[in-house]
Amino acid sequence: MDIRDLKLFLHLAESCHFGRTAKAMHVSPSTLSRQIQRIEDILGHPLFLRDNRTVKLTFAGEQFKQFAQQTLLQYQQLKHSLNQQSPSLSGELRLFCSVTAAYSHLPQILDRFRAEHPMVEIKLTTGDAADAVNKIQSNDADLGIAGKPEKLPDNVSFTKIGEVPLVLIAPSLPCSVRALVIQKSPDWNSIPFILPEHGPSRKRIEHWFRHHKITNPSIYATVSGHEAIVSMVALGCGVALIPNVVVENSPEPVRSRISLLDNISLVEPFELGICVQRKRLNEPLIKAFWGLL
């Protein structure tokens, strides 16, 4: 069992899909299956429950996941410690952010970092920005770009890189939702909303509901990721309160199918920033990245 085996296992534990993990890790599905089987043989316990449709971690798999995460973290810390003795930084830095942040905020940060530390390899994973804090706390990422939550965990450091205003968006194409929102006094209780699962945007739409005395909102769907929400609005499914930067960075065919509404009084922007486990701030790679913010 080696570091590569642990990385394969952890990716599969997150994706629960042999095909996706094999593609992401550049191995064949049969090779991946053999390597997982080899780990299971070494441990003497199955790590996954498999059938034709699903892949799930067993109890032993959950325990081994914690072991693998800690082992990889210790391995990275060892490499960081050894790299301190060399004149230039090298190694791997894992970043997590939304697809939008990868367009809007990350490029200029990475350009500065790479100019000073060209030997450091950046591993970027994208997903729902609301998951960034959890990703760094579970050691699935070293650093994350996130909207600042109302209560930041005590073990997490956050540095602001910008403010994100929110906009209320609706379909621009003729549809039942559009007909409801363009009325002089819209009945917001009857208009379908598309909500994020959690995060700062979810908190602000809940505040907006209270301000407008919407006690029983019509929820069309609760969705992970702002990009997916914008697409659903463009398809005429409902309205949504969304970070303006997501709208600005959406593909033109999507942007042309949505319109901005004015009714967003008392909706404050939220802070966007980089988050990291506080105890890891002195690790050389993280310290170097943090110092450029």
C-alpha atoms as a PDB file:
ATOM      1  CA  MET A   1       0.000   0.000   0.000  1.00  0.00           C
ATOM      2  CA  ASP A   2       1.483   3.365  -1.010  1.00  0.00           C
ATOM      3  CA  ILE A   3       0.560   7.059  -1.249  1.00  0.00           C
ATOM      4  CA  ARG A   4      -0.912   6.576  -4.713  1.00  0.00           C
ATOM      5  CA  ASP A   5      -3.223   3.851  -3.372  1.00  0.00           C
ATOM      6  CA  LEU A   6      -4.448   6.194  -0.629  1.00  0.00           C
ATOM      7  CA  LYS A   7      -5.180   8.949  -3.164  1.00  0.00           C
ATOM      8  CA  LEU A   8      -7.124   6.528  -5.363  1.00  0.00           C
ATOM      9  CA  PHE A   9      -9.138   5.309  -2.391  1.00  0.00           C
ATOM     10  CA  LEU A  10      -9.955   8.835  -1.165  1.00  0.00           C
ATOM     11  CA  HIS A  11     -11.105   9.962  -4.595  1.00  0.00           C
ATOM     12  CA  LEU A  12     -13.363   6.919  -4.901  1.00  0.00           C
ATOM     13  CA  ALA A  13     -14.669   7.500  -1.365  1.00  0.00           C
ATOM     14  CA  GLU A  14     -15.793  10.985  -2.482  1.00  0.00           C
ATOM     15  CA  SER A  15     -17.090  10.141  -5.963  1.00  0.00           C
ATOM     16  CA  CYS A  16     -18.597   6.705  -5.153  1.00  0.00           C
ATOM     17  CA  HIS A  17     -18.187   6.004  -8.871  1.00  0.00           C
ATOM     18  CA  PHE A  18     -15.443   3.764 -10.279  1.00  0.00           C
ATOM     19  CA  GLY A  19     -15.687   5.258 -13.772  1.00  0.00           C
ATOM     20  CA  ARG A  20     -15.340   8.885 -12.643  1.00  0.00           C
ATOM     21  CA  THR A  21     -12.455   8.114 -10.290  1.00  0.00           C
ATOM     22  CA  ALA A  22     -10.642   6.044 -12.909  1.00  0.00           C
ATOM     23  CA  LYS A  23     -10.924   8.904 -15.419  1.00  0.00           C
ATOM     24  CA  ALA A  24      -9.865  11.579 -12.916  1.00  0.00           C
ATOM     25  CA  MET A  25      -6.896   9.550 -11.649  1.00  0.00           C
ATOM     26  CA  HIS A  26      -5.800   8.394 -15.127  1.00  0.00           C
ATOM     27  CA  VAL A  27      -6.172   4.647 -14.576  1.00  0.00           C
ATOM     28  CA  SER A  28      -8.464   2.076 -16.140  1.00  0.00           C
ATOM     29  CA  PRO A  29     -11.553   0.974 -14.170  1.00  0.00           C
ATOM     30  CA  SER A  30     -10.141  -2.557 -13.974  1.00  0.00           C
ATOM     31  CA  THR A  31      -6.834  -1.268 -12.551  1.00  0.00           C
ATOM     32  CA  LEU A  32      -8.709   0.837 -10.002  1.00  0.00           C
ATOM     33  CA  SER A  33     -10.844  -2.147  -8.996  1.00  0.00           C
ATOM     34  CA  ARG A  34      -7.745  -4.326  -8.553  1.00  0.00           C
ATOM     35  CA  GLN A  35      -5.992  -1.738  -6.397  1.00  0.00           C
ATOM     36  CA  ILE A  36      -9.025  -1.295  -4.151  1.00  0.00           C
ATOM     37  CA  GLN A  37      -9.331  -5.081  -3.895  1.00  0.00           C
ATOM     38  CA  ARG A  38      -5.652  -5.267  -2.922  1.00  0.00           C
ATOM     39  CA  ILE A  39      -6.169  -2.777  -0.084  1.00  0.00           C
ATOM     40  CA  GLU A  40      -9.212  -4.748   1.088  1.00  0.00           C
ATOM     41  CA  ASP A  41      -7.166  -7.957   1.028  1.00  0.00           C
ATOM     42  CA  ILE A  42      -4.417  -6.328   3.109  1.00  0.00           C
ATOM     43  CA  LEU A  43      -6.930  -5.050   5.679  1.00  0.00           C
ATOM     44  CA  GLY A  44      -9.083  -8.154   5.620  1.00  0.00           C
ATOM     45  CA  HIS A  45     -12.289  -6.094   5.393  1.00  0.00           C
ATOM     46  CA  PRO A  46     -14.418  -4.767   2.513  1.00  0.00           C
ATOM     47  CA  LEU A  47     -14.162  -0.989   2.169  1.00  0.00           C
ATOM     48  CA  PHE A  48     -17.042  -0.531  -0.278  1.00  0.00           C
ATOM     49  CA  LEU A  49     -20.474  -2.041  -0.790  1.00  0.00           C
ATOM     50  CA  ARG A  50     -20.900  -2.467  -4.537  1.00  0.00           C
ATOM     51  CA  ASP A  51     -23.814  -3.348  -6.767  1.00  0.00           C
ATOM     52  CA  ASN A  52     -24.732  -2.503 -10.337  1.00  0.00           C
ATOM     53  CA  ARG A  53     -26.000   0.956  -9.388  1.00  0.00           C
ATOM     54  CA  THR A  54     -24.294   2.199  -6.245  1.00  0.00           C
ATOM     55  CA  VAL A  55     -20.967   2.278  -4.435  1.00  0.00           C
ATOM     56  CA  LYS A  56     -21.029   3.016  -0.696  1.00  0.00           C
ATOM     57  CA  LEU A  57     -18.411   3.049   2.047  1.00  0.00           C
ATOM     58  CA  THR A  58     -18.652   0.344   4.685  1.00  0.00           C
ATOM     59  CA  PHE A  59     -17.940   1.036   8.352  1.00  0.00           C
ATOM     60  CA  ALA A  60     -14.379  -0.192   7.750  1.00  0.00           C
ATOM     61  CA  GLY A  61     -14.239   2.115   4.723  1.00  0.00           C
ATOM     62  CA  GLU A  62     -15.180   5.134   6.836  1.00  0.00           C
ATOM     63  CA  GLN A  63     -12.438   4.271   9.337  1.00  0.00           C
ATOM     64  CA  PHE A  64      -9.879   3.752   6.585  1.00  0.00           C
ATOM     65  CA  LYS A  65     -10.894   7.085   5.026  1.00  0.00           C
ATOM     66  CA  GLN A  66      -9.916   8.878   8.236  1.00  0.00           C
ATOM     67  CA  PHE A  67      -6.622   6.975   8.308  1.00  0.00           C
ATOM     68  CA  ALA A  68      -5.896   7.805   4.659  1.00  0.00           C
ATOM     69  CA  GLN A  69      -6.667  11.514   5.147  1.00  0.00           C
ATOM     70  CA  GLN A  70      -4.404  11.750   8.191  1.00  0.00           C
ATOM     71  CA  THR A  71      -1.618   9.787   6.503  1.00  0.00           C
ATOM     72  CA  LEU A  72      -1.676  12.011   3.412  1.00  0.00           C
ATOM     73  CA  LEU A  73      -1.727  15.122   5.593  1.00  0.00           C
ATOM     74  CA  GLN A  74       1.302  13.895   7.557  1.00  0.00           C
ATOM     75  CA  TYR A  75       3.048  13.010   4.298  1.00  0.00           C
ATOM     76  CA  GLN A  76       2.452  16.513   2.942  1.00  0.00           C
ATOM     77  CA  GLN A  77       3.635  18.078   6.194  1.00  0.00           C
ATOM     78  CA  LEU A  78       6.815  15.993   6.020  1.00  0.00           C
ATOM     79  CA  LYS A  79       7.435  17.132   2.444  1.00  0.00           C
ATOM     80  CA  HIS A  80       6.797  20.736   3.477  1.00  0.00           C
ATOM     81  CA  SER A  81       9.265  20.381   6.348  1.00  0.00           C
ATOM     82  CA  LEU A  82      11.924  18.921   4.067  1.00  0.00           C
ATOM     83  CA  ASN A  83      11.288  21.591   1.468  1.00  0.00           C
ATOM     84  CA  GLN A  84      12.085  24.252   4.057  1.00  0.00           C
ATOM     85  CA  GLN A  85      15.675  23.090   3.844  1.00  0.00           C
ATOM     86  CA  SER A  86      15.844  23.779   0.090  1.00  0.00           C
ATOM     87  CA  PRO A  87      16.206  27.264  -1.447  1.00  0.00           C
ATOM     88  CA  SER A  88      12.886  27.137  -3.350  1.00  0.00           C
ATOM     89  CA  LEU A  89       9.465  25.800  -2.450  1.00  0.00           C
ATOM     90  CA  SER A  90       8.117  22.721  -4.177  1.00  0.00           C
ATOM     91  CA  GLY A  91       5.347  20.226  -3.584  1.00  0.00           C
ATOM     92  CA  GLU A  92       1.581  20.139  -4.049  1.00  0.00           C
ATOM     93  CA  LEU A  93      -1.043  22.645  -2.941  1.00  0.00           C
ATOM     94  CA  ARG A  94      -4.705  21.585  -3.155  1.00  0.00           C
ATOM     95  CA  LEU A  95      -7.252  24.340  -3.777  1.00  0.00           C
ATOM     96  CA  PHE A  96     -11.048  24.106  -3.722  1.00  0.00           C
ATOM     97  CA  CYS A  97     -13.392  26.695  -5.217  1.00  0.00           C
ATOM     98  CA  SER A  98     -16.497  27.117  -7.322  1.00  0.00           C
ATOM     99  CA  VAL A  99     -16.330  27.077 -11.111  1.00  0.00           C
ATOM    100  CA  THR A 100     -17.133  30.795 -11.074  1.00  0.00           C
ATOM    101  CA  ALA A 101     -14.324  31.634  -8.630  1.00  0.00           C
ATOM    102  CA  ALA A 102     -11.930  29.719 -10.877  1.00  0.00           C
ATOM    103  CA  TYR A 103     -12.758  32.316 -13.563  1.00  0.00           C
ATOM    104  CA  SER A 104     -13.291  35.448 -11.506  1.00  0.00           C
ATOM    105  CA  HIS A 105     -10.884  35.519  -8.551  1.00  0.00           C
ATOM    106  CA  LEU A 106      -8.395  32.660  -8.670  1.00  0.00           C
ATOM    107  CA  PRO A 107      -6.389  33.500 -11.839  1.00  0.00           C
ATOM    108  CA  GLN A 108      -4.820  36.704 -10.519  1.00  0.00           C
ATOM    109  CA  ILE A 109      -3.956  35.036  -7.195  1.00  0.00           C
ATOM    110  CA  LEU A 110      -2.388  32.013  -8.880  1.00  0.00           C
ATOM    111  CA  ASP A 111      -0.456  34.205 -11.316  1.00  0.00           C
ATOM    112  CA  ARG A 112       1.262  35.977  -8.411  1.00  0.00           C
ATOM    113  CA  PHE A 113       1.921  32.738  -6.550  1.00  0.00           C
ATOM    114  CA  ARG A 114       3.351  30.913  -9.565  1.00  0.00           C
ATOM    115  CA  ALA A 115       5.600  33.847 -10.401  1.00  0.00           C
ATOM    116  CA  GLU A 116       7.280  33.462  -7.006  1.00  0.00           C
ATOM    117  CA  HIS A 117       6.990  29.685  -6.563  1.00  0.00           C
ATOM    118  CA  PRO A 118       7.067  28.025 -10.001  1.00  0.00           C
ATOM    119  CA  MET A 119       7.994  24.596  -8.596  1.00  0.00           C
ATOM    120  CA  VAL A 120       4.756  24.241  -6.600  1.00  0.00           C
ATOM    121  CA  GLU A 121       2.100  22.093  -8.284  1.00  0.00           C
ATOM    122  CA  ILE A 122      -1.460  23.394  -7.935  1.00  0.00           C
ATOM    123  CA  LYS A 123      -4.226  20.795  -7.708  1.00  0.00           C
ATOM    124  CA  LEU A 124      -7.590  22.490  -8.290  1.00  0.00           C
ATOM    125  CA  THR A 125     -10.943  20.932  -7.436  1.00  0.00           C
ATOM    126  CA  THR A 126     -14.224  22.718  -8.165  1.00  0.00           C
ATOM    127  CA  GLY A 127     -17.602  22.342  -6.500  1.00  0.00           C
ATOM    128  CA  ASP A 128     -20.179  24.213  -4.435  1.00  0.00           C
ATOM    129  CA  ALA A 129     -18.439  27.149  -2.719  1.00  0.00           C
ATOM    130  CA  ALA A 130     -20.620  26.553   0.346  1.00  0.00           C
ATOM    131  CA  ASP A 131     -18.700  23.297   0.878  1.00  0.00           C
ATOM    132  CA  ALA A 132     -15.261  24.959   0.988  1.00  0.00           C
ATOM    133  CA  VAL A 133     -14.982  25.189   4.780  1.00  0.00           C
ATOM    134  CA  ASN A 134     -15.951  21.533   5.166  1.00  0.00           C
ATOM    135  CA  LYS A 135     -13.420  20.561   2.494  1.00  0.00           C
ATOM    136  CA  ILE A 136     -10.506  22.139   4.332  1.00  0.00           C
ATOM    137  CA  GLN A 137     -11.650  20.841   7.721  1.00  0.00           C
ATOM    138  CA  SER A 138     -11.788  17.271   6.380  1.00  0.00           C
ATOM    139  CA  ASN A 139      -8.350  17.708   4.740  1.00  0.00           C
ATOM    140  CA  ASP A 140      -9.819  17.199   1.267  1.00  0.00           C
ATOM    141  CA  ALA A 141      -8.259  20.558   0.361  1.00  0.00           C
ATOM    142  CA  ASP A 142      -5.493  22.739   1.779  1.00  0.00           C
ATOM    143  CA  LEU A 143      -7.157  26.053   0.932  1.00  0.00           C
ATOM    144  CA  GLY A 144     -10.637  27.010  -0.211  1.00  0.00           C
ATOM    145  CA  ILE A 145     -12.383  30.039  -1.676  1.00  0.00           C
ATOM    146  CA  ALA A 146     -15.639  30.609   0.188  1.00  0.00           C
ATOM    147  CA  GLY A 147     -18.249  33.129   1.122  1.00  0.00           C
ATOM    148  CA  LYS A 148     -17.711  33.961   4.786  1.00  0.00           C
ATOM    149  CA  PRO A 149     -20.310  32.120   6.894  1.00  0.00           C
ATOM    150  CA  GLU A 150     -22.171  33.926   9.670  1.00  0.00           C
ATOM    151  CA  LYS A 151     -20.233  31.867  12.209  1.00  0.00           C
ATOM    152  CA  LEU A 152     -16.729  30.904  11.184  1.00  0.00           C
ATOM    153  CA  PRO A 153     -15.411  27.773  12.955  1.00  0.00           C
ATOM    154  CA  ASP A 154     -12.777  28.586  15.583  1.00  0.00           C
ATOM    155  CA  ASN A 155     -10.189  26.389  13.873  1.00  0.00           C
ATOM    156  CA  VAL A 156     -10.531  28.140  10.494  1.00  0.00           C
ATOM    157  CA  SER A 157      -8.746  31.311   9.367  1.00  0.00           C
ATOM    158  CA  PHE A 158     -10.340  33.511   6.708  1.00  0.00           C
ATOM    159  CA  THR A 159      -8.874  36.413   4.754  1.00  0.00           C
ATOM    160  CA  LYS A 160     -11.091  38.590   2.602  1.00  0.00           C
ATOM    161  CA  ILE A 161     -10.364  38.928  -1.135  1.00  0.00           C
ATOM    162  CA  GLY A 162     -13.539  40.707  -2.206  1.00  0.00           C
ATOM    163  CA  GLU A 163     -17.221  41.445  -1.683  1.00  0.00           C
ATOM    164  CA  VAL A 164     -19.975  39.714  -3.602  1.00  0.00           C
ATOM    165  CA  PRO A 165     -23.251  41.594  -4.221  1.00  0.00           C
ATOM    166  CA  LEU A 166     -26.352  39.533  -4.894  1.00  0.00           C
ATOM    167  CA  VAL A 167     -28.998  39.981  -7.568  1.00  0.00           C
ATOM    168  CA  LEU A 168     -32.513  38.633  -7.938  1.00  0.00           C
ATOM    169  CA  ILE A 169     -32.852  36.950 -11.314  1.00  0.00           C
ATOM    170  CA  ALA A 170     -35.829  35.697 -13.302  1.00  0.00           C
ATOM    171  CA  PRO A 171     -36.341  34.124 -16.725  1.00  0.00           C
ATOM    172  CA  SER A 172     -36.404  36.625 -19.585  1.00  0.00           C
ATOM    173  CA  LEU A 173     -38.208  34.256 -21.941  1.00  0.00           C
ATOM    174  CA  PRO A 174     -42.030  34.212 -22.013  1.00  0.00           C
ATOM    175  CA  CYS A 175     -43.189  31.702 -19.397  1.00  0.00           C
ATOM    176  CA  SER A 176     -45.479  31.438 -16.367  1.00  0.00           C
ATOM    177  CA  VAL A 177     -42.722  32.536 -13.964  1.00  0.00           C
ATOM    178  CA  ARG A 178     -41.976  35.616 -16.048  1.00  0.00           C
ATOM    179  CA  ALA A 179     -45.672  36.502 -16.131  1.00  0.00           C
ATOM    180  CA  LEU A 180     -45.815  36.402 -12.321  1.00  0.00           C
ATOM    181  CA  VAL A 181     -42.743  38.559 -11.621  1.00  0.00           C
ATOM    182  CA  ILE A 182     -43.516  41.371 -14.097  1.00  0.00           C
ATOM    183  CA  GLN A 183     -46.814  42.190 -12.385  1.00  0.00           C
ATOM    184  CA  LYS A 184     -46.963  45.593 -10.686  1.00  0.00           C
ATOM    185  CA  SER A 185     -47.286  43.969  -7.251  1.00  0.00           C
ATOM    186  CA  PRO A 186     -45.989  40.405  -7.563  1.00  0.00           C
ATOM    187  CA  ASP A 187     -47.389  37.800  -5.197  1.00  0.00           C
ATOM    188  CA  TRP A 188     -44.047  36.487  -3.965  1.00  0.00           C
ATOM    189  CA  ASN A 189     -45.697  33.634  -2.073  1.00  0.00           C
ATOM    190  CA  SER A 190     -46.831  32.112  -5.367  1.00  0.00           C
ATOM    191  CA  ILE A 191     -43.598  32.628  -7.328  1.00  0.00           C
ATOM    192  CA  PRO A 192     -41.348  29.540  -7.405  1.00  0.00           C
ATOM    193  CA  PHE A 193     -37.863  30.045  -5.962  1.00  0.00           C
ATOM    194  CA  ILE A 194     -34.724  28.021  -6.576  1.00  0.00           C
ATOM    195  CA  LEU A 195     -32.575  27.964  -3.437  1.00  0.00           C
ATOM    196  CA  PRO A 196     -28.983  26.986  -2.673  1.00  0.00           C
ATOM    197  CA  GLU A 197     -28.667  24.119  -0.213  1.00  0.00           C
ATOM    198  CA  HIS A 198     -26.702  26.204   2.297  1.00  0.00           C
ATOM    199  CA  GLY A 199     -24.149  28.994   2.582  1.00  0.00           C
ATOM    200  CA  PRO A 200     -24.272  32.823   2.696  1.00  0.00           C
ATOM    201  CA  SER A 201     -26.688  33.125  -0.249  1.00  0.00           C
ATOM    202  CA  ARG A 202     -29.167  30.821   1.488  1.00  0.00           C
ATOM    203  CA  LYS A 203     -29.025  32.938   4.650  1.00  0.00           C
ATOM    204  CA  ARG A 204     -29.664  36.111   2.677  1.00  0.00           C
ATOM    205  CA  ILE A 205     -32.659  34.770   0.759  1.00  0.00           C
ATOM    206  CA  GLU A 206     -34.156  33.620   4.077  1.00  0.00           C
ATOM    207  CA  HIS A 207     -33.661  37.157   5.402  1.00  0.00           C
ATOM    208  CA  TRP A 208     -35.280  38.535   2.226  1.00  0.00           C
ATOM    209  CA  PHE A 209     -38.280  36.221   2.749  1.00  0.00           C
ATOM    210  CA  ARG A 210     -38.716  37.511   6.303  1.00  0.00           C
ATOM    211  CA  HIS A 211     -38.414  41.144   5.208  1.00  0.00           C
ATOM    212  CA  HIS A 212     -41.129  40.661   2.582  1.00  0.00           C
ATOM    213  CA  LYS A 213     -43.271  38.626   5.010  1.00  0.00           C
ATOM    214  CA  ILE A 214     -43.079  35.535   2.794  1.00  0.00           C
ATOM    215  CA  THR A 215     -43.896  32.893   5.382  1.00  0.00           C
ATOM    216  CA  ASN A 216     -44.566  29.984   3.062  1.00  0.00           C
ATOM    217  CA  PRO A 217     -42.422  30.458  -0.064  1.00  0.00           C
ATOM    218  CA  SER A 218     -42.946  28.272  -3.088  1.00  0.00           C
ATOM    219  CA  ILE A 219     -39.713  26.279  -3.430  1.00  0.00           C
ATOM    220  CA  TYR A 220     -39.218  24.798  -6.881  1.00  0.00           C
ATOM    221  CA  ALA A 221     -35.914  23.141  -5.977  1.00  0.00           C
ATOM    222  CA  THR A 222     -32.972  23.237  -3.589  1.00  0.00           C
ATOM    223  CA  VAL A 223     -29.742  22.957  -5.546  1.00  0.00           C
ATOM    224  CA  SER A 224     -26.018  22.541  -4.876  1.00  0.00           C
ATOM    225  CA  GLY A 225     -23.985  25.182  -6.692  1.00  0.00           C
ATOM    226  CA  HIS A 226     -24.921  28.646  -7.938  1.00  0.00           C
ATOM    227  CA  GLU A 227     -24.050  27.832 -11.547  1.00  0.00           C
ATOM    228  CA  ALA A 228     -26.756  25.164 -11.673  1.00  0.00           C
ATOM    229  CA  ILE A 229     -29.274  27.598 -10.160  1.00  0.00           C
ATOM    230  CA  VAL A 230     -28.621  30.182 -12.893  1.00  0.00           C
ATOM    231  CA  SER A 231     -29.178  27.521 -15.555  1.00  0.00           C
ATOM    232  CA  MET A 232     -32.496  26.501 -13.985  1.00  0.00           C
ATOM    233  CA  VAL A 233     -33.680  30.119 -13.934  1.00  0.00           C
ATOM    234  CA  ALA A 234     -32.678  30.448 -17.594  1.00  0.00           C
ATOM    235  CA  LEU A 235     -34.863  27.426 -18.351  1.00  0.00           C
ATOM    236  CA  GLY A 236     -37.890  29.142 -16.793  1.00  0.00           C
ATOM    237  CA  CYS A 237     -38.082  27.040 -13.622  1.00  0.00           C
ATOM    238  CA  GLY A 238     -38.182  29.886 -11.108  1.00  0.00           C
ATOM    239  CA  VAL A 239     -36.420  32.931  -9.680  1.00  0.00           C
ATOM    240  CA  ALA A 240     -33.312  33.039  -7.491  1.00  0.00           C
ATOM    241  CA  LEU A 241     -31.131  35.307  -5.394  1.00  0.00           C
ATOM    242  CA  ILE A 242     -27.644  34.737  -6.744  1.00  0.00           C
ATOM    243  CA  PRO A 243     -24.142  36.285  -6.515  1.00  0.00           C
ATOM    244  CA  ASN A 244     -23.798  38.769  -9.356  1.00  0.00           C
ATOM    245  CA  VAL A 245     -20.356  37.398 -10.224  1.00  0.00           C
ATOM    246  CA  VAL A 246     -21.971  34.061 -11.105  1.00  0.00           C
ATOM    247  CA  VAL A 247     -24.316  35.778 -13.546  1.00  0.00           C
ATOM    248  CA  GLU A 248     -21.470  37.797 -15.072  1.00  0.00           C
ATOM    249  CA  ASN A 249     -19.386  34.673 -15.664  1.00  0.00           C
ATOM    250  CA  SER A 250     -22.217  32.530 -17.021  1.00  0.00           C
ATOM    251  CA  PRO A 251     -22.073  31.562 -20.717  1.00  0.00           C
ATOM    252  CA  GLU A 252     -23.755  34.038 -23.049  1.00  0.00           C
ATOM    253  CA  PRO A 253     -26.548  31.586 -24.052  1.00  0.00           C
ATOM    254  CA  VAL A 254     -27.490  31.414 -20.367  1.00  0.00           C
ATOM    255  CA  ARG A 255     -27.106  35.146 -19.606  1.00  0.00           C
ATOM    256  CA  SER A 256     -29.327  36.071 -22.550  1.00  0.00           C
ATOM    257  CA  ARG A 257     -32.195  34.046 -21.053  1.00  0.00           C
ATOM    258  CA  ILE A 258     -32.283  35.757 -17.636  1.00  0.00           C
ATOM    259  CA  SER A 259     -33.114  39.249 -16.422  1.00  0.00           C
ATOM    260  CA  LEU A 260     -32.286  41.104 -13.216  1.00  0.00           C
ATOM    261  CA  LEU A 261     -35.080  42.232 -10.898  1.00  0.00           C
ATOM    262  CA  ASP A 262     -34.893  45.339  -8.721  1.00  0.00           C
ATOM    263  CA  ASN A 263     -36.603  44.002  -5.614  1.00  0.00           C
ATOM    264  CA  ILE A 264     -33.567  43.121  -3.477  1.00  0.00           C
ATOM    265  CA  SER A 265     -33.738  45.755  -0.740  1.00  0.00           C
ATOM    266  CA  LEU A 266     -31.884  44.943   2.498  1.00  0.00           C
ATOM    267  CA  VAL A 267     -29.776  42.237   0.861  1.00  0.00           C
ATOM    268  CA  GLU A 268     -26.178  42.867   1.891  1.00  0.00           C
ATOM    269  CA  PRO A 269     -23.167  41.630  -0.083  1.00  0.00           C
ATOM    270  CA  PHE A 270     -21.183  38.845   1.527  1.00  0.00           C
ATOM    271  CA  GLU A 271     -17.428  38.640   1.957  1.00  0.00           C
ATOM    272  CA  LEU A 272     -15.497  36.300  -0.315  1.00  0.00           C
ATOM    273  CA  GLY A 273     -12.180  35.002   0.909  1.00  0.00           C
ATOM    274  CA  ILE A 274      -9.617  32.250   1.307  1.00  0.00           C
ATOM    275  CA  CYS A 275     -10.037  29.835   4.204  1.00  0.00           C
ATOM    276  CA  VAL A 276      -7.592  27.395   5.777  1.00  0.00           C
ATOM    277  CA  GLN A 277      -7.209  25.374   8.958  1.00  0.00           C
ATOM    278  CA  ARG A 278      -5.626  27.764  11.464  1.00  0.00           C
ATOM    279  CA  LYS A 279      -3.127  25.139  12.663  1.00  0.00           C
ATOM    280  CA  ARG A 280      -1.694  24.811   9.140  1.00  0.00           C
ATOM    281  CA  LEU A 281      -0.830  28.481   8.582  1.00  0.00           C
ATOM    282  CA  ASN A 282       2.858  27.896   9.338  1.00  0.00           C
ATOM    283  CA  GLU A 283       3.278  25.135   6.759  1.00  0.00           C
ATOM    284  CA  PRO A 284       5.659  26.554   4.119  1.00  0.00           C
ATOM    285  CA  LEU A 285       3.406  26.259   1.056  1.00  0.00           C
ATOM    286  CA  ILE A 286       0.326  27.584   2.830  1.00  0.00           C
ATOM    287  CA  LYS A 287       2.321  30.352   4.513  1.00  0.00           C
ATOM    288  CA  ALA A 288       3.709  31.420   1.134  1.00  0.00           C
ATOM    289  CA  PHE A 289       0.247  31.435  -0.470  1.00  0.00           C
ATOM    290  CA  TRP A 290      -1.314  33.256   2.484  1.00  0.00           C
ATOM    291  CA  GLY A 291       1.407  35.892   2.390  1.00  0.00           C
ATOM    292  CA  LEU A 292       0.446  36.928  -1.147  1.00  0.00           C
ATOM    293  CA  LEU A 293      -3.215  37.615  -0.349  1.00  0.00           C
END
